[in-house]
PDB file of N, CA and C in Angstrom:
ATOM      1  N   MET A   1      77.103  27.260 157.330  1.00  0.00           N
ATOM      2  CA  MET A   1      76.041  28.167 157.718  1.00  0.00           C
ATOM      3  C   MET A   1      75.499  27.808 159.102  1.00  0.00           C
ATOM      4  N   ASN A   2      75.368  26.517 159.389  1.00  0.00           N
ATOM      5  CA  ASN A   2      74.852  26.059 160.660  1.00  0.00           C
ATOM      6  C   ASN A   2      75.807  26.407 161.802  1.00  0.00           C
ATOM      7  N   SER A   3      77.109  26.314 161.554  1.00  0.00           N
ATOM      8  CA  SER A   3      78.078  26.628 162.604  1.00  0.00           C
ATOM      9  C   SER A   3      78.055  28.127 162.921  1.00  0.00           C
ATOM     10  N   TYR A   4      77.766  28.959 161.916  1.00  0.00           N
ATOM     11  CA  TYR A   4      77.647  30.402 162.163  1.00  0.00           C
ATOM     12  C   TYR A   4      76.474  30.690 163.099  1.00  0.00           C
ATOM     13  N   ASN A   5      75.317  30.081 162.878  1.00  0.00           N
ATOM     14  CA  ASN A   5      74.150  30.276 163.738  1.00  0.00           C
ATOM     15  C   ASN A   5      74.417  29.780 165.152  1.00  0.00           C
ATOM     16  N   THR A   6      75.104  28.658 165.268  1.00  0.00           N
ATOM     17  CA  THR A   6      75.460  28.119 166.579  1.00  0.00           C
ATOM     18  C   THR A   6      76.375  29.088 167.317  1.00  0.00           C
ATOM     19  N   PHE A   7      77.394  29.622 166.600  1.00  0.00           N
ATOM     20  CA  PHE A   7      78.310  30.604 167.205  1.00  0.00           C
ATOM     21  C   PHE A   7      77.556  31.867 167.638  1.00  0.00           C
ATOM     22  N   LYS A   8      76.676  32.375 166.769  1.00  0.00           N
ATOM     23  CA  LYS A   8      75.915  33.589 167.060  1.00  0.00           C
ATOM     24  C   LYS A   8      75.017  33.390 168.284  1.00  0.00           C
ATOM     25  N   ASN A   9      74.326  32.274 168.355  1.00  0.00           N
ATOM     26  CA  ASN A   9      73.450  32.002 169.496  1.00  0.00           C
ATOM     27  C   ASN A   9      74.246  31.854 170.788  1.00  0.00           C
ATOM     28  N   SER A  10      75.395  31.201 170.704  1.00  0.00           N
ATOM     29  CA  SER A  10      76.248  31.045 171.880  1.00  0.00           C
ATOM     30  C   SER A  10      76.761  32.400 172.359  1.00  0.00           C
ATOM     31  N   LEU A  11      77.154  33.254 171.442  1.00  0.00           N
ATOM     32  CA  LEU A  11      77.646  34.586 171.784  1.00  0.00           C
ATOM     33  C   LEU A  11      76.543  35.427 172.416  1.00  0.00           C
ATOM     34  N   LEU A  12      75.353  35.360 171.865  1.00  0.00           N
ATOM     35  CA  LEU A  12      74.225  36.117 172.427  1.00  0.00           C
ATOM     36  C   LEU A  12      73.878  35.635 173.831  1.00  0.00           C
ATOM     37  N   ARG A  13      73.913  34.331 174.076  1.00  0.00           N
ATOM     38  CA  ARG A  13      73.641  33.795 175.407  1.00  0.00           C
ATOM     39  C   ARG A  13      74.685  34.286 176.402  1.00  0.00           C
ATOM     40  N   LYS A  14      75.964  34.257 176.010  1.00  0.00           N
ATOM     41  CA  LYS A  14      77.031  34.716 176.901  1.00  0.00           C
ATOM     42  C   LYS A  14      76.907  36.206 177.197  1.00  0.00           C
ATOM     43  N   LEU A  15      76.594  36.985 176.180  1.00  0.00           N
ATOM     44  CA  LEU A  15      76.413  38.421 176.368  1.00  0.00           C
ATOM     45  C   LEU A  15      75.243  38.697 177.304  1.00  0.00           C
ATOM     46  N   GLY A  16      74.165  37.960 177.140  1.00  0.00           N
ATOM     47  CA  GLY A  16      73.008  38.105 178.031  1.00  0.00           C
ATOM     48  C   GLY A  16      73.341  37.763 179.463  1.00  0.00           C
ATOM     49  N   MET A  17      74.147  36.723 179.664  1.00  0.00           N
ATOM     50  CA  MET A  17      74.540  36.329 181.019  1.00  0.00           C
ATOM     51  C   MET A  17      75.430  37.399 181.652  1.00  0.00           C
ATOM     52  N   VAL A  18      76.319  37.997 180.869  1.00  0.00           N
ATOM     53  CA  VAL A  18      77.182  39.063 181.385  1.00  0.00           C
ATOM     54  C   VAL A  18      76.340  40.264 181.793  1.00  0.00           C
ATOM     55  N   LEU A  19      75.388  40.646 180.954  1.00  0.00           N
ATOM     56  CA  LEU A  19      74.518  41.789 181.279  1.00  0.00           C
ATOM     57  C   LEU A  19      73.683  41.512 182.529  1.00  0.00           C
ATOM     58  N   CYS A  20      73.163  40.320 182.664  1.00  0.00           N
ATOM     59  CA  CYS A  20      72.405  39.970 183.871  1.00  0.00           C
ATOM     60  C   CYS A  20      73.295  40.042 185.105  1.00  0.00           C
ATOM     61  N   GLY A  21      74.520  39.586 184.992  1.00  0.00           N
ATOM     62  CA  GLY A  21      75.458  39.652 186.111  1.00  0.00           C
ATOM     63  C   GLY A  21      75.758  41.083 186.513  1.00  0.00           C
ATOM     64  N   ILE A  22      75.934  41.947 185.526  1.00  0.00           N
ATOM     65  CA  ILE A  22      76.186  43.369 185.832  1.00  0.00           C
ATOM     66  C   ILE A  22      74.996  43.970 186.559  1.00  0.00           C
ATOM     67  N   LEU A  23      73.792  43.696 186.104  1.00  0.00           N
ATOM     68  CA  LEU A  23      72.600  44.223 186.757  1.00  0.00           C
ATOM     69  C   LEU A  23      72.451  43.704 188.181  1.00  0.00           C
ATOM     70  N   ILE A  24      72.769  42.429 188.391  1.00  0.00           N
ATOM     71  CA  ILE A  24      72.664  41.856 189.739  1.00  0.00           C
ATOM     72  C   ILE A  24      73.670  42.509 190.673  1.00  0.00           C
ATOM     73  N   VAL A  25      74.908  42.662 190.231  1.00  0.00           N
ATOM     74  CA  VAL A  25      75.930  43.293 191.062  1.00  0.00           C
ATOM     75  C   VAL A  25      75.549  44.741 191.351  1.00  0.00           C
ATOM     76  N   THR A  26      75.073  45.453 190.343  1.00  0.00           N
ATOM     77  CA  THR A  26      74.677  46.850 190.519  1.00  0.00           C
ATOM     78  C   THR A  26      73.536  46.961 191.519  1.00  0.00           C
ATOM     79  N   ALA A  27      72.544  46.102 191.405  1.00  0.00           N
ATOM     80  CA  ALA A  27      71.413  46.142 192.328  1.00  0.00           C
ATOM     81  C   ALA A  27      71.840  45.775 193.744  1.00  0.00           C
ATOM     82  N   CYS A  28      72.709  44.806 193.884  1.00  0.00           N
ATOM     83  CA  CYS A  28      73.149  44.374 195.219  1.00  0.00           C
ATOM     84  C   CYS A  28      74.014  45.416 195.917  1.00  0.00           C
ATOM     85  N   THR A  29      74.719  46.226 195.155  1.00  0.00           N
ATOM     86  CA  THR A  29      75.549  47.275 195.761  1.00  0.00           C
ATOM     87  C   THR A  29      74.780  48.575 195.901  1.00  0.00           C
ATOM     88  N   ASN A  30      73.516  48.561 195.519  1.00  0.00           N
ATOM     89  CA  ASN A  30      72.610  49.700 195.645  1.00  0.00           C
ATOM     90  C   ASN A  30      72.973  50.836 194.701  1.00  0.00           C
ATOM     91  N   ASP A  31      73.891  50.615 193.754  1.00  0.00           N
ATOM     92  CA  ASP A  31      74.238  51.648 192.786  1.00  0.00           C
ATOM     93  C   ASP A  31      73.102  51.907 191.809  1.00  0.00           C
ATOM     94  N   LEU A  32      72.203  50.959 191.679  1.00  0.00           N
ATOM     95  CA  LEU A  32      71.091  51.121 190.760  1.00  0.00           C
ATOM     96  C   LEU A  32      70.195  52.274 191.175  1.00  0.00           C
ATOM     97  N   PHE A  33      70.166  52.593 192.470  1.00  0.00           N
ATOM     98  CA  PHE A  33      69.270  53.615 192.957  1.00  0.00           C
ATOM     99  C   PHE A  33      69.984  54.913 193.299  1.00  0.00           C
ATOM    100  N   GLU A  34      71.268  55.014 192.959  1.00  0.00           N
ATOM    101  CA  GLU A  34      72.018  56.224 193.259  1.00  0.00           C
ATOM    102  C   GLU A  34      71.599  57.351 192.330  1.00  0.00           C
ATOM    103  N   SER A  35      71.728  58.566 192.827  1.00  0.00           N
ATOM    104  CA  SER A  35      71.425  59.757 192.045  1.00  0.00           C
ATOM    105  C   SER A  35      72.320  59.803 190.804  1.00  0.00           C
ATOM    106  N   GLY A  36      71.753  60.202 189.697  1.00  0.00           N
ATOM    107  CA  GLY A  36      72.516  60.329 188.470  1.00  0.00           C
ATOM    108  C   GLY A  36      72.478  59.079 187.608  1.00  0.00           C
ATOM    109  N   ASN A  37      72.008  57.959 188.138  1.00  0.00           N
ATOM    110  CA  ASN A  37      71.914  56.740 187.356  1.00  0.00           C
ATOM    111  C   ASN A  37      70.664  56.832 186.483  1.00  0.00           C
ATOM    112  N   PRO A  38      70.814  56.775 185.155  1.00  0.00           N
ATOM    113  CA  PRO A  38      69.638  56.907 184.289  1.00  0.00           C
ATOM    114  C   PRO A  38      68.639  55.768 184.438  1.00  0.00           C
ATOM    115  N   LEU A  39      69.066  54.651 185.047  1.00  0.00           N
ATOM    116  CA  LEU A  39      68.148  53.538 185.268  1.00  0.00           C
ATOM    117  C   LEU A  39      67.433  53.625 186.610  1.00  0.00           C
ATOM    118  N   ALA A  40      67.857  54.571 187.457  1.00  0.00           N
ATOM    119  CA  ALA A  40      67.268  54.696 188.782  1.00  0.00           C
ATOM    120  C   ALA A  40      65.862  55.272 188.671  1.00  0.00           C
ATOM    121  N   PRO A  41      64.999  54.916 189.611  1.00  0.00           N
ATOM    122  CA  PRO A  41      63.661  55.504 189.600  1.00  0.00           C
ATOM    123  C   PRO A  41      63.756  56.994 189.869  1.00  0.00           C
ATOM    124  N   SER A  42      62.879  57.758 189.230  1.00  0.00           N
ATOM    125  CA  SER A  42      62.924  59.206 189.427  1.00  0.00           C
ATOM    126  C   SER A  42      62.486  59.551 190.850  1.00  0.00           C
ATOM    127  N   THR A  43      63.087  60.603 191.373  1.00  0.00           N
ATOM    128  CA  THR A  43      62.748  61.050 192.712  1.00  0.00           C
ATOM    129  C   THR A  43      61.609  62.049 192.593  1.00  0.00           C
ATOM    130  N   VAL A  44      60.466  61.677 193.086  1.00  0.00           N
ATOM    131  CA  VAL A  44      59.310  62.555 193.048  1.00  0.00           C
ATOM    132  C   VAL A  44      59.199  63.208 194.415  1.00  0.00           C
ATOM    133  N   MET A  45      58.970  64.516 194.416  1.00  0.00           N
ATOM    134  CA  MET A  45      58.847  65.233 195.676  1.00  0.00           C
ATOM    135  C   MET A  45      57.530  66.005 195.658  1.00  0.00           C
ATOM    136  N   ARG A  46      56.821  65.916 196.777  1.00  0.00           N
ATOM    137  CA  ARG A  46      55.560  66.646 196.931  1.00  0.00           C
ATOM    138  C   ARG A  46      55.553  67.332 198.283  1.00  0.00           C
ATOM    139  N   ILE A  47      54.742  68.375 198.389  1.00  0.00           N
ATOM    140  CA  ILE A  47      54.560  69.069 199.658  1.00  0.00           C
ATOM    141  C   ILE A  47      53.090  68.993 200.024  1.00  0.00           C
ATOM    142  N   THR A  48      52.816  68.792 201.309  1.00  0.00           N
ATOM    143  CA  THR A  48      51.435  68.807 201.781  1.00  0.00           C
ATOM    144  C   THR A  48      51.345  69.708 202.997  1.00  0.00           C
ATOM    145  N   PRO A  49      50.322  70.509 203.105  1.00  0.00           N
ATOM    146  CA  PRO A  49      49.332  70.776 202.070  1.00  0.00           C
ATOM    147  C   PRO A  49      49.931  71.648 200.967  1.00  0.00           C
ATOM    148  N   THR A  50      49.297  71.643 199.799  1.00  0.00           N
ATOM    149  CA  THR A  50      49.773  72.491 198.702  1.00  0.00           C
ATOM    150  C   THR A  50      49.196  73.895 198.806  1.00  0.00           C
ATOM    151  N   SER A  51      48.096  74.025 199.532  1.00  0.00           N
ATOM    152  CA  SER A  51      47.468  75.329 199.742  1.00  0.00           C
ATOM    153  C   SER A  51      46.687  75.268 201.053  1.00  0.00           C
ATOM    154  N   THR A  52      46.768  76.344 201.822  1.00  0.00           N
ATOM    155  CA  THR A  52      46.062  76.377 203.099  1.00  0.00           C
ATOM    156  C   THR A  52      45.735  77.810 203.473  1.00  0.00           C
ATOM    157  N   THR A  53      44.745  77.969 204.328  1.00  0.00           N
ATOM    158  CA  THR A  53      44.388  79.278 204.874  1.00  0.00           C
ATOM    159  C   THR A  53      44.461  79.183 206.387  1.00  0.00           C
ATOM    160  N   ILE A  54      45.212  80.117 206.990  1.00  0.00           N
ATOM    161  CA  ILE A  54      45.341  80.143 208.443  1.00  0.00           C
ATOM    162  C   ILE A  54      45.194  81.578 208.927  1.00  0.00           C
ATOM    163  N   ASN A  55      44.894  81.721 210.192  1.00  0.00           N
ATOM    164  CA  ASN A  55      44.805  83.053 210.795  1.00  0.00           C
ATOM    165  C   ASN A  55      46.198  83.561 211.143  1.00  0.00           C
ATOM    166  N   GLU A  56      46.311  84.881 211.267  1.00  0.00           N
ATOM    167  CA  GLU A  56      47.583  85.462 211.679  1.00  0.00           C
ATOM    168  C   GLU A  56      47.971  84.915 213.050  1.00  0.00           C
ATOM    169  N   GLN A  57      49.250  84.849 213.296  1.00  0.00           N
ATOM    170  CA  GLN A  57      49.831  84.374 214.550  1.00  0.00           C
ATOM    171  C   GLN A  57      49.468  82.921 214.889  1.00  0.00           C
ATOM    172  N   THR A  58      49.260  82.120 213.856  1.00  0.00           N
ATOM    173  CA  THR A  58      49.059  80.685 214.049  1.00  0.00           C
ATOM    174  C   THR A  58      50.105  79.947 213.198  1.00  0.00           C
ATOM    175  N   THR A  59      50.124  78.630 213.301  1.00  0.00           N
ATOM    176  CA  THR A  59      51.128  77.855 212.578  1.00  0.00           C
ATOM    177  C   THR A  59      50.492  76.826 211.654  1.00  0.00           C
ATOM    178  N   GLN A  60      51.301  76.379 210.703  1.00  0.00           N
ATOM    179  CA  GLN A  60      50.911  75.308 209.780  1.00  0.00           C
ATOM    180  C   GLN A  60      52.148  74.461 209.519  1.00  0.00           C
ATOM    181  N   GLN A  61      52.032  73.164 209.749  1.00  0.00           N
ATOM    182  CA  GLN A  61      53.145  72.249 209.476  1.00  0.00           C
ATOM    183  C   GLN A  61      53.075  71.781 208.032  1.00  0.00           C
ATOM    184  N   PHE A  62      54.176  71.907 207.302  1.00  0.00           N
ATOM    185  CA  PHE A  62      54.283  71.373 205.950  1.00  0.00           C
ATOM    186  C   PHE A  62      55.102  70.099 205.993  1.00  0.00           C
ATOM    187  N   THR A  63      54.708  69.139 205.174  1.00  0.00           N
ATOM    188  CA  THR A  63      55.380  67.847 205.120  1.00  0.00           C
ATOM    189  C   THR A  63      55.855  67.601 203.704  1.00  0.00           C
ATOM    190  N   ILE A  64      57.092  67.127 203.583  1.00  0.00           N
ATOM    191  CA  ILE A  64      57.654  66.781 202.284  1.00  0.00           C
ATOM    192  C   ILE A  64      57.569  65.271 202.123  1.00  0.00           C
ATOM    193  N   ILE A  65      57.070  64.850 200.976  1.00  0.00           N
ATOM    194  CA  ILE A  65      56.987  63.437 200.635  1.00  0.00           C
ATOM    195  C   ILE A  65      57.940  63.215 199.471  1.00  0.00           C
ATOM    196  N   GLY A  66      58.866  62.294 199.640  1.00  0.00           N
ATOM    197  CA  GLY A  66      59.857  62.045 198.599  1.00  0.00           C
ATOM    198  C   GLY A  66      61.001  63.029 198.708  1.00  0.00           C
ATOM    199  N   GLY A  67      61.680  63.237 197.608  1.00  0.00           N
ATOM    200  CA  GLY A  67      62.810  64.148 197.608  1.00  0.00           C
ATOM    201  C   GLY A  67      64.009  63.569 198.342  1.00  0.00           C
ATOM    202  N   VAL A  68      65.082  64.345 198.346  1.00  0.00           N
ATOM    203  CA  VAL A  68      66.330  63.926 198.977  1.00  0.00           C
ATOM    204  C   VAL A  68      66.724  64.981 199.998  1.00  0.00           C
ATOM    205  N   SER A  69      66.818  64.583 201.263  1.00  0.00           N
ATOM    206  CA  SER A  69      67.180  65.544 202.299  1.00  0.00           C
ATOM    207  C   SER A  69      68.668  65.888 202.197  1.00  0.00           C
ATOM    208  N   PRO A  70      69.056  67.034 202.688  1.00  0.00           N
ATOM    209  CA  PRO A  70      68.290  67.996 203.469  1.00  0.00           C
ATOM    210  C   PRO A  70      67.425  68.884 202.579  1.00  0.00           C
ATOM    211  N   PHE A  71      66.399  69.469 203.204  1.00  0.00           N
ATOM    212  CA  PHE A  71      65.472  70.353 202.517  1.00  0.00           C
ATOM    213  C   PHE A  71      65.707  71.787 202.981  1.00  0.00           C
ATOM    214  N   ASN A  72      65.602  72.733 202.055  1.00  0.00           N
ATOM    215  CA  ASN A  72      65.756  74.142 202.377  1.00  0.00           C
ATOM    216  C   ASN A  72      64.399  74.822 202.200  1.00  0.00           C
ATOM    217  N   TYR A  73      63.840  75.340 203.301  1.00  0.00           N
ATOM    218  CA  TYR A  73      62.530  75.983 203.291  1.00  0.00           C
ATOM    219  C   TYR A  73      62.713  77.500 203.267  1.00  0.00           C
ATOM    220  N   THR A  74      61.966  78.191 202.393  1.00  0.00           N
ATOM    221  CA  THR A  74      61.970  79.655 202.366  1.00  0.00           C
ATOM    222  C   THR A  74      60.550  80.165 202.131  1.00  0.00           C
ATOM    223  N   VAL A  75      60.351  81.439 202.455  1.00  0.00           N
ATOM    224  CA  VAL A  75      59.079  82.111 202.170  1.00  0.00           C
ATOM    225  C   VAL A  75      59.387  83.346 201.334  1.00  0.00           C
ATOM    226  N   ASP A  76      58.428  83.744 200.491  1.00  0.00           N
ATOM    227  CA  ASP A  76      58.655  84.906 199.634  1.00  0.00           C
ATOM    228  C   ASP A  76      58.273  86.229 200.293  1.00  0.00           C
ATOM    229  N   ASP A  77      57.582  86.175 201.436  1.00  0.00           N
ATOM    230  CA  ASP A  77      57.158  87.393 202.123  1.00  0.00           C
ATOM    231  C   ASP A  77      57.404  87.247 203.624  1.00  0.00           C
ATOM    232  N   PRO A  78      58.643  87.505 204.064  1.00  0.00           N
ATOM    233  CA  PRO A  78      58.981  87.321 205.478  1.00  0.00           C
ATOM    234  C   PRO A  78      58.172  88.214 206.426  1.00  0.00           C
ATOM    235  N   ALA A  79      57.589  89.293 205.915  1.00  0.00           N
ATOM    236  CA  ALA A  79      56.774  90.162 206.767  1.00  0.00           C
ATOM    237  C   ALA A  79      55.448  89.496 207.136  1.00  0.00           C
ATOM    238  N   SER A  80      55.041  88.512 206.346  1.00  0.00           N
ATOM    239  CA  SER A  80      53.765  87.834 206.596  1.00  0.00           C
ATOM    240  C   SER A  80      53.911  86.510 207.316  1.00  0.00           C
ATOM    241  N   GLY A  81      55.127  85.978 207.352  1.00  0.00           N
ATOM    242  CA  GLY A  81      55.324  84.716 208.048  1.00  0.00           C
ATOM    243  C   GLY A  81      56.726  84.181 207.829  1.00  0.00           C
ATOM    244  N   SER A  82      57.066  83.169 208.625  1.00  0.00           N
ATOM    245  CA  SER A  82      58.389  82.546 208.528  1.00  0.00           C
ATOM    246  C   SER A  82      58.220  81.033 208.582  1.00  0.00           C
ATOM    247  N   ILE A  83      59.279  80.327 208.184  1.00  0.00           N
ATOM    248  CA  ILE A  83      59.243  78.870 208.208  1.00  0.00           C
ATOM    249  C   ILE A  83      60.569  78.370 208.759  1.00  0.00           C
ATOM    250  N   ASP A  84      60.499  77.357 209.611  1.00  0.00           N
ATOM    251  CA  ASP A  84      61.736  76.828 210.202  1.00  0.00           C
ATOM    252  C   ASP A  84      62.277  75.664 209.371  1.00  0.00           C
ATOM    253  N   THR A  85      63.377  75.101 209.807  1.00  0.00           N
ATOM    254  CA  THR A  85      64.054  74.038 209.052  1.00  0.00           C
ATOM    255  C   THR A  85      63.284  72.717 209.053  1.00  0.00           C
ATOM    256  N   ALA A  86      62.259  72.616 209.898  1.00  0.00           N
ATOM    257  CA  ALA A  86      61.441  71.403 209.944  1.00  0.00           C
ATOM    258  C   ALA A  86      60.125  71.568 209.184  1.00  0.00           C
ATOM    259  N   GLY A  87      59.918  72.744 208.549  1.00  0.00           N
ATOM    260  CA  GLY A  87      58.712  72.956 207.763  1.00  0.00           C
ATOM    261  C   GLY A  87      57.540  73.533 208.529  1.00  0.00           C
ATOM    262  N   LEU A  88      57.783  74.100 209.714  1.00  0.00           N
ATOM    263  CA  LEU A  88      56.700  74.716 210.493  1.00  0.00           C
ATOM    264  C   LEU A  88      56.612  76.189 210.122  1.00  0.00           C
ATOM    265  N   PHE A  89      55.496  76.559 209.481  1.00  0.00           N
ATOM    266  CA  PHE A  89      55.250  77.942 209.089  1.00  0.00           C
ATOM    267  C   PHE A  89      54.543  78.658 210.228  1.00  0.00           C
ATOM    268  N   THR A  90      55.005  79.872 210.547  1.00  0.00           N
ATOM    269  CA  THR A  90      54.378  80.689 211.576  1.00  0.00           C
ATOM    270  C   THR A  90      53.938  81.993 210.942  1.00  0.00           C
ATOM    271  N   ALA A  91      52.622  82.238 210.975  1.00  0.00           N
ATOM    272  CA  ALA A  91      52.084  83.476 210.412  1.00  0.00           C
ATOM    273  C   ALA A  91      52.394  84.643 211.338  1.00  0.00           C
ATOM    274  N   ALA A  92      52.734  85.760 210.732  1.00  0.00           N
ATOM    275  CA  ALA A  92      53.075  86.960 211.503  1.00  0.00           C
ATOM    276  C   ALA A  92      51.812  87.719 211.894  1.00  0.00           C
ATOM    277  N   ASN A  93      51.991  88.741 212.711  1.00  0.00           N
ATOM    278  CA  ASN A  93      50.931  89.686 213.041  1.00  0.00           C
ATOM    279  C   ASN A  93      50.865  90.665 211.877  1.00  0.00           C
ATOM    280  N   ILE A  94      49.809  90.593 211.078  1.00  0.00           N
ATOM    281  CA  ILE A  94      49.738  91.370 209.836  1.00  0.00           C
ATOM    282  C   ILE A  94      48.646  92.423 209.897  1.00  0.00           C
ATOM    283  N   ALA A  95      48.697  93.393 208.972  1.00  0.00           N
ATOM    284  CA  ALA A  95      47.716  94.484 208.940  1.00  0.00           C
ATOM    285  C   ALA A  95      46.601  94.211 207.939  1.00  0.00           C
ATOM    286  N   ALA A  96      46.783  93.240 207.039  1.00  0.00           N
ATOM    287  CA  ALA A  96      45.774  92.895 206.031  1.00  0.00           C
ATOM    288  C   ALA A  96      46.042  91.466 205.576  1.00  0.00           C
ATOM    289  N   ASP A  97      45.022  90.859 204.945  1.00  0.00           N
ATOM    290  CA  ASP A  97      45.201  89.508 204.422  1.00  0.00           C
ATOM    291  C   ASP A  97      46.429  89.454 203.518  1.00  0.00           C
ATOM    292  N   ALA A  98      47.128  88.320 203.541  1.00  0.00           N
ATOM    293  CA  ALA A  98      48.331  88.167 202.725  1.00  0.00           C
ATOM    294  C   ALA A  98      48.416  86.744 202.195  1.00  0.00           C
ATOM    295  N   THR A  99      49.092  86.604 201.087  1.00  0.00           N
ATOM    296  CA  THR A  99      49.378  85.281 200.535  1.00  0.00           C
ATOM    297  C   THR A  99      50.885  85.108 200.492  1.00  0.00           C
ATOM    298  N   VAL A 100      51.336  84.008 201.054  1.00  0.00           N
ATOM    299  CA  VAL A 100      52.767  83.708 201.141  1.00  0.00           C
ATOM    300  C   VAL A 100      53.040  82.424 200.361  1.00  0.00           C
ATOM    301  N   THR A 101      54.114  82.421 199.602  1.00  0.00           N
ATOM    302  CA  THR A 101      54.529  81.205 198.910  1.00  0.00           C
ATOM    303  C   THR A 101      55.670  80.570 199.687  1.00  0.00           C
ATOM    304  N   VAL A 102      55.472  79.311 200.054  1.00  0.00           N
ATOM    305  CA  VAL A 102      56.513  78.524 200.711  1.00  0.00           C
ATOM    306  C   VAL A 102      57.213  77.738 199.606  1.00  0.00           C
ATOM    307  N   THR A 103      58.534  77.837 199.556  1.00  0.00           N
ATOM    308  CA  THR A 103      59.324  77.120 198.557  1.00  0.00           C
ATOM    309  C   THR A 103      60.268  76.165 199.276  1.00  0.00           C
ATOM    310  N   VAL A 104      60.316  74.933 198.785  1.00  0.00           N
ATOM    311  CA  VAL A 104      61.206  73.929 199.359  1.00  0.00           C
ATOM    312  C   VAL A 104      62.087  73.389 198.238  1.00  0.00           C
ATOM    313  N   VAL A 105      63.393  73.356 198.506  1.00  0.00           N
ATOM    314  CA  VAL A 105      64.362  72.814 197.555  1.00  0.00           C
ATOM    315  C   VAL A 105      65.088  71.667 198.245  1.00  0.00           C
ATOM    316  N   ASP A 106      65.154  70.517 197.564  1.00  0.00           N
ATOM    317  CA  ASP A 106      65.859  69.384 198.165  1.00  0.00           C
ATOM    318  C   ASP A 106      67.322  69.380 197.737  1.00  0.00           C
ATOM    319  N   ALA A 107      68.076  68.392 198.201  1.00  0.00           N
ATOM    320  CA  ALA A 107      69.513  68.319 197.957  1.00  0.00           C
ATOM    321  C   ALA A 107      69.863  68.161 196.481  1.00  0.00           C
ATOM    322  N   GLU A 108      68.916  67.684 195.686  1.00  0.00           N
ATOM    323  CA  GLU A 108      69.171  67.515 194.254  1.00  0.00           C
ATOM    324  C   GLU A 108      68.637  68.669 193.421  1.00  0.00           C
ATOM    325  N   GLY A 109      68.092  69.697 194.093  1.00  0.00           N
ATOM    326  CA  GLY A 109      67.595  70.866 193.374  1.00  0.00           C
ATOM    327  C   GLY A 109      66.146  70.784 192.954  1.00  0.00           C
ATOM    328  N   THR A 110      65.433  69.758 193.372  1.00  0.00           N
ATOM    329  CA  THR A 110      64.009  69.648 193.073  1.00  0.00           C
ATOM    330  C   THR A 110      63.261  70.694 193.895  1.00  0.00           C
ATOM    331  N   VAL A 111      62.324  71.403 193.257  1.00  0.00           N
ATOM    332  CA  VAL A 111      61.612  72.500 193.902  1.00  0.00           C
ATOM    333  C   VAL A 111      60.116  72.205 193.945  1.00  0.00           C
ATOM    334  N   VAL A 112      59.507  72.434 195.100  1.00  0.00           N
ATOM    335  CA  VAL A 112      58.049  72.393 195.244  1.00  0.00           C
ATOM    336  C   VAL A 112      57.617  73.649 195.987  1.00  0.00           C
ATOM    337  N   THR A 113      56.377  74.061 195.748  1.00  0.00           N
ATOM    338  CA  THR A 113      55.852  75.251 196.422  1.00  0.00           C
ATOM    339  C   THR A 113      54.471  74.977 196.986  1.00  0.00           C
ATOM    340  N   ALA A 114      54.116  75.804 197.955  1.00  0.00           N
ATOM    341  CA  ALA A 114      52.778  75.762 198.545  1.00  0.00           C
ATOM    342  C   ALA A 114      52.351  77.194 198.824  1.00  0.00           C
ATOM    343  N   ALA A 115      51.049  77.420 198.832  1.00  0.00           N
ATOM    344  CA  ALA A 115      50.505  78.751 199.098  1.00  0.00           C
ATOM    345  C   ALA A 115      49.862  78.781 200.474  1.00  0.00           C
ATOM    346  N   VAL A 116      50.161  79.848 201.230  1.00  0.00           N
ATOM    347  CA  VAL A 116      49.547  80.062 202.530  1.00  0.00           C
ATOM    348  C   VAL A 116      48.805  81.381 202.484  1.00  0.00           C
ATOM    349  N   ASN A 117      47.486  81.315 202.661  1.00  0.00           N
ATOM    350  CA  ASN A 117      46.684  82.525 202.771  1.00  0.00           C
ATOM    351  C   ASN A 117      46.572  82.862 204.249  1.00  0.00           C
ATOM    352  N   VAL A 118      47.161  83.992 204.622  1.00  0.00           N
ATOM    353  CA  VAL A 118      47.151  84.420 206.030  1.00  0.00           C
ATOM    354  C   VAL A 118      46.034  85.441 206.180  1.00  0.00           C
ATOM    355  N   LYS A 119      45.095  85.141 207.100  1.00  0.00           N
ATOM    356  CA  LYS A 119      43.935  86.009 207.321  1.00  0.00           C
ATOM    357  C   LYS A 119      44.200  86.980 208.463  1.00  0.00           C
ATOM    358  N   PHE A 120      43.926  88.245 208.211  1.00  0.00           N
ATOM    359  CA  PHE A 120      44.023  89.289 209.206  1.00  0.00           C
ATOM    360  C   PHE A 120      42.810  89.211 210.129  1.00  0.00           C
ATOM    361  N   LEU A 121      43.055  89.232 211.427  1.00  0.00           N
ATOM    362  CA  LEU A 121      41.965  89.248 212.402  1.00  0.00           C
ATOM    363  C   LEU A 121      41.886  90.653 212.983  1.00  0.00           C
ATOM    364  N   ALA A 122      40.807  91.338 212.699  1.00  0.00           N
ATOM    365  CA  ALA A 122      40.667  92.744 213.101  1.00  0.00           C
ATOM    366  C   ALA A 122      40.752  92.943 214.582  1.00  0.00           C
TER     367      ALA A 122
END
């Protein structure tokens, strides 16, 4: 009975050492943080500002925090404004107040949105 416990403890120690070695090699090769690894930290993506009000024919810079580049920026109402590949929104010359949704999708498909209230200047 004693030899069985000794064998079991020795086997568990060896298995633990193998697992630690795998984790060390994985971390050193940076595979631990690669996309698709269930042990990797989740990629959180945010946009700032999340909501803003600007006058027509002015701009607002949006910033992405986190996520995986490249980022794809779009607007839901091109008649009220446009956004470039760097996140600079430009409000159009409009006939009435408008609300535009800016949508950003990163390389992994993560989506964030922001609202832009564009004010008409009479």
